[in-house]
Protein backbone atom coordinates (compact mmCIF):
# COMPACT_ATOMS: atom_id res chain seq x y z
CA MET A 1 0.00 0.00 0.00
CA GLU A 2 1.06 3.57 -0.59
CA ARG A 3 2.42 5.37 2.47
CA SER A 4 0.31 8.44 1.66
CA LEU A 5 -2.88 6.38 1.97
CA SER A 6 -2.77 6.75 5.77
CA MET A 7 -3.43 10.48 5.70
CA GLU A 8 -5.99 10.10 2.93
CA LEU A 9 -7.99 7.65 5.04
CA VAL A 10 -8.11 9.86 8.11
CA ARG A 11 -10.03 12.36 5.96
CA VAL A 12 -12.74 9.71 5.69
CA THR A 13 -13.15 9.25 9.45
CA GLU A 14 -12.99 13.01 10.03
CA ALA A 15 -15.90 13.55 7.65
CA ALA A 16 -17.97 10.81 9.30
CA ALA A 17 -17.30 12.23 12.77
CA LEU A 18 -18.20 15.79 11.73
CA ALA A 19 -21.46 14.59 10.20
CA SER A 20 -22.59 12.31 13.02
CA ALA A 21 -21.56 14.47 15.98
CA ARG A 22 -24.37 16.90 15.14
CA TRP A 23 -26.75 14.23 16.42
CA MET A 24 -25.00 13.79 19.77
CA GLY A 25 -27.46 13.60 22.67
CA ARG A 26 -30.54 13.91 20.46
CA GLY A 27 -31.78 10.35 20.92
CA GLN A 28 -31.71 9.56 17.19
CA LYS A 29 -29.15 6.84 16.62
CA ASP A 30 -30.26 5.92 13.10
CA GLU A 31 -29.96 9.51 11.93
CA ALA A 32 -26.47 9.73 13.41
CA ASP A 33 -25.43 6.48 11.73
CA ASN A 34 -26.85 7.54 8.38
CA ALA A 35 -25.04 10.88 8.55
CA ALA A 36 -21.72 9.16 9.27
CA THR A 37 -22.24 6.60 6.51
CA GLU A 38 -23.13 9.13 3.82
CA ALA A 39 -20.21 11.40 4.65
CA MET A 40 -17.77 8.51 4.80
CA ARG A 41 -18.89 7.17 1.44
CA ASP A 42 -18.60 10.57 -0.23
CA VAL A 43 -14.97 10.97 0.82
CA PHE A 44 -14.10 7.35 0.02
CA ASP A 45 -14.93 8.13 -3.61
CA THR A 46 -12.00 10.58 -3.71
CA ILE A 47 -9.38 8.21 -2.23
CA PRO A 48 -6.76 6.77 -4.63
CA MET A 49 -7.42 3.06 -4.14
CA LYS A 50 -9.38 0.11 -5.47
CA GLY A 51 -11.17 -1.01 -2.32
CA THR A 52 -13.70 -3.74 -1.57
CA VAL A 53 -15.75 -3.72 1.63
CA VAL A 54 -15.33 -7.00 3.54
CA ILE A 55 -16.56 -5.67 6.89
CA GLY A 56 -19.43 -3.21 6.44
CA GLU A 57 -22.96 -2.23 7.31
CA GLY A 58 -24.43 -5.52 6.12
CA GLU A 59 -25.19 -7.38 2.92
CA MET A 60 -26.22 -5.49 -0.21
CA ASP A 61 -29.94 -6.10 0.37
CA GLU A 62 -29.67 -4.94 4.01
CA ALA A 63 -27.50 -1.84 3.66
CA PRO A 64 -27.83 0.74 0.90
CA MET A 65 -24.34 2.11 1.61
CA LEU A 66 -21.02 0.56 2.56
CA TYR A 67 -22.38 -2.96 2.13
CA ILE A 68 -20.17 -6.04 1.98
CA GLY A 69 -18.78 -6.34 -1.51
CA GLU A 70 -19.18 -2.65 -2.37
CA ARG A 71 -16.32 -1.05 -4.32
CA LEU A 72 -14.74 2.05 -2.81
CA GLY A 73 -12.12 4.51 -4.04
CA ASN A 74 -11.56 6.37 -7.28
CA GLY A 75 -10.42 3.30 -9.19
CA TYR A 76 -6.70 4.07 -9.07
CA GLY A 77 -4.02 2.87 -6.67
CA PRO A 78 -3.65 -0.32 -4.59
CA ARG A 79 -6.23 -3.08 -4.33
CA VAL A 80 -7.29 -3.29 -0.70
CA ASP A 81 -9.84 -4.90 1.57
CA VAL A 82 -11.79 -2.41 3.69
CA ALA A 83 -13.30 -2.86 7.15
CA VAL A 84 -15.53 0.00 8.18
CA ASP A 85 -17.80 1.12 10.99
CA PRO A 86 -18.97 4.65 10.14
CA LEU A 87 -20.22 5.11 13.70
CA GLU A 88 -19.10 2.67 16.36
CA GLY A 89 -21.47 3.52 19.16
CA THR A 90 -24.75 4.71 17.68
CA ASN A 91 -26.39 4.42 21.10
CA ILE A 92 -23.48 6.33 22.62
CA VAL A 93 -24.05 9.26 20.30
CA ALA A 94 -27.81 9.18 20.83
CA SER A 95 -27.34 9.41 24.61
CA GLY A 96 -24.27 11.67 24.62
CA GLY A 97 -22.02 9.03 26.14
CA TRP A 98 -18.32 8.22 25.85
CA ASN A 99 -16.10 6.53 23.27
CA ALA A 100 -18.09 6.83 20.03
CA LEU A 101 -15.78 6.61 17.01
CA ALA A 102 -15.81 6.79 13.25
CA VAL A 103 -13.44 3.97 12.39
CA LEU A 104 -12.00 2.06 9.44
CA GLY A 105 -9.17 -0.27 8.56
CA VAL A 106 -7.63 -1.43 5.31
CA ALA A 107 -5.22 -4.20 4.34
CA ASP A 108 -3.89 -5.58 1.09
CA LYS A 109 -6.51 -7.52 -0.87
CA GLY A 110 -7.20 -10.95 0.61
CA HIS A 111 -5.69 -10.21 4.01
CA LEU A 112 -8.79 -9.51 6.16
CA LEU A 113 -11.06 -12.16 7.63
CA HIS A 114 -14.55 -11.95 6.14
CA ALA A 115 -16.13 -12.10 9.58
CA PRO A 116 -19.84 -12.94 9.65
CA ASP A 117 -22.20 -10.65 11.55
CA MET A 118 -22.47 -12.60 14.80
CA TYR A 119 -20.99 -12.61 18.27
CA MET A 120 -17.34 -13.35 18.93
CA ASP A 121 -15.70 -14.10 22.26
CA LYS A 122 -12.64 -11.84 22.56
CA ILE A 123 -9.57 -11.07 24.60
CA ALA A 124 -7.32 -8.12 23.78
CA VAL A 125 -4.12 -6.67 25.22
CA GLY A 126 -1.40 -4.19 24.37
CA PRO A 127 2.19 -4.89 23.26
CA ASP A 128 3.62 -5.67 26.69
CA CYS A 129 1.26 -8.64 27.11
CA VAL A 130 1.59 -10.28 23.69
CA GLY A 131 1.93 -14.04 24.01
CA LYS A 132 0.85 -13.98 27.65
CA ILE A 133 -2.93 -14.41 27.25
CA SER A 134 -5.23 -17.08 25.85
CA LEU A 135 -8.96 -17.52 25.30
CA ASP A 136 -8.50 -21.09 26.51
CA ALA A 137 -7.11 -19.93 29.88
CA SER A 138 -9.28 -18.99 32.83
CA VAL A 139 -10.17 -15.39 33.62
CA GLU A 140 -7.95 -15.52 36.71
CA GLN A 141 -5.01 -16.92 34.75
CA ASN A 142 -5.28 -14.20 32.12
CA ILE A 143 -5.53 -11.43 34.70
CA GLN A 144 -2.51 -12.77 36.60
CA ALA A 145 -0.54 -13.04 33.35
CA VAL A 146 -1.33 -9.44 32.42
CA ALA A 147 -0.41 -8.23 35.90
CA ALA A 148 2.94 -10.05 35.75
CA ALA A 149 3.72 -8.72 32.26
CA LYS A 150 2.92 -5.15 33.29
CA GLY A 151 4.63 -5.35 36.68
CA LYS A 152 1.39 -4.49 38.46
CA ASP A 153 -0.54 -5.94 41.36
CA VAL A 154 -3.68 -7.82 40.30
CA GLU A 155 -5.72 -5.28 42.24
CA ASP A 156 -4.45 -2.56 39.89
CA ILE A 157 -5.49 -4.31 36.68
CA VAL A 158 -8.49 -2.75 34.88
CA VAL A 159 -10.58 -4.98 32.62
CA ALA A 160 -12.90 -3.37 30.06
CA ILE A 161 -16.08 -5.31 29.33
CA LEU A 162 -19.41 -4.55 27.67
CA ASP A 163 -22.20 -4.02 30.17
CA ARG A 164 -24.43 -6.89 29.09
CA GLU A 165 -26.54 -9.45 30.94
CA ARG A 166 -24.63 -12.24 29.18
CA HIS A 167 -21.46 -11.11 30.98
CA GLN A 168 -22.75 -11.56 34.54
CA THR A 169 -20.64 -14.65 35.17
CA LEU A 170 -17.59 -13.02 33.57
CA VAL A 171 -18.00 -9.94 35.77
CA SER A 172 -18.18 -12.18 38.84
CA ASP A 173 -15.04 -14.07 37.77
CA ILE A 174 -13.09 -10.83 37.22
CA ARG A 175 -14.05 -9.53 40.63
CA SER A 176 -13.24 -12.85 42.25
CA ALA A 177 -9.79 -12.68 40.69
CA GLY A 178 -9.28 -9.32 42.40
CA ALA A 179 -9.17 -7.04 39.33
CA ARG A 180 -11.14 -3.90 38.67
CA ILE A 181 -13.76 -3.47 35.93
CA LYS A 182 -14.68 -0.71 33.52
CA LEU A 183 -18.17 -1.42 32.18
CA MET A 184 -18.95 -0.01 28.73
CA GLY A 185 -22.37 0.60 27.23
CA ASP A 186 -20.97 0.11 23.72
CA GLY A 187 -17.71 0.49 21.84
CA ASP A 188 -15.49 -2.57 22.12
CA VAL A 189 -13.21 -1.45 19.26
CA ALA A 190 -12.26 1.56 21.37
CA ALA A 191 -11.82 -0.68 24.42
CA ALA A 192 -9.49 -3.05 22.57
CA ILE A 193 -7.36 -0.19 21.22
CA ASN A 194 -7.24 1.41 24.67
CA THR A 195 -5.34 -1.60 26.04
CA ALA A 196 -2.30 -0.49 24.01
CA PHE A 197 -2.11 2.99 25.57
CA ASP A 198 -1.14 3.27 29.25
CA ASP A 199 -2.82 6.65 29.67
CA THR A 200 -6.28 5.15 29.11
CA GLY A 201 -6.01 3.04 32.25
CA VAL A 202 -7.30 -0.10 30.48
CA ASP A 203 -5.10 -3.20 30.75
CA LEU A 204 -7.26 -5.97 29.30
CA MET A 205 -10.48 -6.37 27.32
CA LEU A 206 -12.67 -9.44 27.75
CA GLY A 207 -16.11 -10.61 26.69
CA SER A 208 -18.24 -11.17 23.63
CA GLY A 209 -19.11 -8.56 21.03
CA GLY A 210 -19.56 -8.31 17.30
CA ALA A 211 -17.22 -10.35 15.10
CA PRO A 212 -16.84 -7.54 12.53
CA GLU A 213 -15.70 -5.23 15.33
CA GLY A 214 -13.18 -7.90 16.27
CA VAL A 215 -11.54 -7.59 12.85
CA LEU A 216 -11.43 -3.79 13.13
CA ALA A 217 -9.83 -4.07 16.56
CA ALA A 218 -7.31 -6.56 15.19
CA ILE A 219 -6.23 -4.09 12.49
CA GLY A 220 -5.64 -1.42 15.11
CA LEU A 221 -3.77 -3.73 17.46
CA LYS A 222 -1.65 -5.06 14.59
CA CYS A 223 -0.50 -1.49 13.97
CA LEU A 224 0.26 -1.08 17.67
CA GLY A 225 1.96 -4.44 18.19
CA GLY A 226 -0.80 -5.69 20.48
CA GLU A 227 -2.84 -8.89 20.40
CA ILE A 228 -6.45 -9.98 20.11
CA GLN A 229 -7.86 -13.48 20.03
CA GLY A 230 -11.41 -14.39 19.09
CA ARG A 231 -13.75 -17.34 18.87
CA LEU A 232 -16.96 -17.13 16.85
CA LEU A 233 -20.20 -17.81 18.71
CA PRO A 234 -22.79 -18.89 16.13
CA SER A 235 -26.25 -19.22 17.66
CA SER A 236 -27.91 -21.38 15.00
CA ASP A 237 -27.23 -23.90 12.24
CA GLU A 238 -27.82 -21.07 9.77
CA GLU A 239 -25.03 -19.02 11.33
CA VAL A 240 -22.70 -22.04 11.27
CA GLU A 241 -23.45 -22.50 7.58
CA ARG A 242 -22.78 -18.84 6.96
CA CYS A 243 -19.34 -19.22 8.57
CA HIS A 244 -18.62 -22.11 6.23
CA ARG A 245 -19.69 -20.08 3.20
CA MET A 246 -17.30 -17.33 4.26
CA GLY A 247 -14.40 -19.78 4.41
CA ILE A 248 -14.35 -20.47 8.17
CA GLY A 249 -14.34 -24.27 8.44
CA ASP A 250 -13.89 -24.84 12.19
CA VAL A 251 -16.12 -22.33 13.96
CA ASN A 252 -14.88 -23.43 17.39
CA ARG A 253 -11.19 -22.72 16.89
CA VAL A 254 -9.45 -19.70 18.37
CA LEU A 255 -8.75 -17.03 15.76
CA HIS A 256 -5.38 -15.35 16.24
CA MET A 257 -4.01 -12.11 14.81
CA ASP A 258 -2.88 -13.67 11.54
CA ASP A 259 -6.33 -15.22 11.08
CA LEU A 260 -8.03 -11.84 11.51
CA VAL A 261 -5.57 -9.68 9.58
CA SER A 262 -2.65 -11.31 7.78
CA GLY A 263 0.32 -9.89 5.90
CA GLU A 264 2.78 -7.28 7.04
CA ASP A 265 0.80 -4.14 6.30
CA ALA A 266 -2.48 -2.59 7.41
CA ILE A 267 -3.77 0.90 8.13
CA PHE A 268 -6.18 1.91 10.91
CA ALA A 269 -7.89 5.28 11.25
CA ALA A 270 -10.35 6.55 13.84
CA THR A 271 -11.81 9.92 14.73
CA GLY A 272 -13.53 10.67 18.02
CA VAL A 273 -17.21 11.54 17.75
CA THR A 274 -17.74 11.86 21.49
CA ASP A 275 -15.07 12.15 24.17
CA GLY A 276 -13.20 9.02 25.20
CA GLU A 277 -10.12 7.95 27.12
CA LEU A 278 -7.98 8.14 23.97
CA LEU A 279 -9.63 10.63 21.59
CA LYS A 280 -11.58 13.82 22.11
CA GLY A 281 -14.94 14.19 20.46
CA VAL A 282 -15.89 16.75 17.82
CA ARG A 283 -15.96 20.35 19.03
CA TYR A 284 -18.11 22.85 17.13
CA LYS A 285 -17.21 26.53 17.10
CA ALA A 286 -18.73 29.45 15.21
CA GLN A 287 -17.61 28.41 11.73
CA THR A 288 -15.37 25.43 12.38
CA GLY A 289 -15.43 21.91 13.71
CA ALA A 290 -12.42 20.50 15.58
CA THR A 291 -11.57 16.80 15.28
CA HIS A 292 -9.12 14.50 17.07
CA SER A 293 -8.00 11.41 15.17
CA LEU A 294 -5.66 8.45 15.37
CA VAL A 295 -4.06 6.96 12.24
CA MET A 296 -1.57 4.09 12.27
CA ARG A 297 0.29 1.86 9.84
CA ALA A 298 1.47 -1.65 10.70
CA LYS A 299 4.41 -1.85 8.26
CA SER A 300 6.17 1.24 9.63
CA GLY A 301 4.77 1.14 13.16
CA THR A 302 3.92 4.83 12.85
CA VAL A 303 1.23 6.13 15.20
CA ARG A 304 -0.09 9.63 14.57
CA PHE A 305 -2.57 11.72 16.52
CA VAL A 306 -4.09 14.31 14.20
CA GLU A 307 -5.93 17.43 15.29
CA GLY A 308 -7.95 19.20 12.62
CA ASP A 309 -9.94 22.42 12.36
CA HIS A 310 -12.47 22.24 9.55
CA ARG A 311 -14.24 25.18 7.91
CA LEU A 312 -17.83 23.98 7.97
CA ASP A 313 -18.96 26.46 5.32
CA LYS A 314 -16.52 24.79 2.91
CA LYS A 315 -17.70 21.26 3.80
CA PRO A 316 -21.50 21.56 3.88
CA ASP A 317 -22.09 18.00 2.74
CA PHE A 318 -20.20 16.54 5.71
CA VAL A 319 -22.17 18.32 8.43
CA ILE A 320 -25.83 17.43 8.82
CA ARG A 321 -27.49 20.33 10.58
CA GLY A 322 -30.91 18.61 10.92
């Protein structure tokens, strides 16, 4: 992939964040998602690449934009697979909560898992804990391994987990192990990425969430030198068959980094829509919108934080004033 593609892609997430942040706190999650999707697609059309969506908003008959199999880019440049979530955290934006992101990842064609839209059991850590954790280990064993790798007491370990009824036993096991918990309403891509940055205070992510989000998190952690493992959780024979159609033969096996995103190169970009531990949300001023983004490339290991001030009168299509 071209090195310059990194900065081109952050323009896409900036546009989606500017468009969707107008809906923050207004209780209209679908409107926020649609605004992010439309803005993201418009900018994708200007990017010098030949992209194919492998992680998107759904199948062609379910999603009018950014559907799986859709072609993105201006038709010139590298052939890439695209994983995209125009607004990770639609409920977050609707309620004015934390950690909503506009997020995408790309890799060379054929190097991203075509993850079906179902649950995936996940564990994610930053670079200092690579090789120390396992989905097949107990919660206590994983927490102790992370504590040892980080040189911390178990009582100082913070585990991020989605606040869901299905995680009641997991929450109990974490507390029994002596660790602390950060419950999240939504946003497990942000939680996984946060494990790679000490300033966020998150050491480990556990629990089940969307499989497509697992691939997006894997792209980010690949760029950061971290690790994520996943195991698909199909809930019906139909979902098992769908896994098989997408090339996943053994649905019970643990998926490692190279299963989720292979090859040496990948690019991850995210822009904060609402405030989070890592990125600030969009700030609107009189005639400008301020964005805070993260863009990373696996091949070079470069991590950039990008602050932008955008003249809204020059970008009317990216800001839905509803």
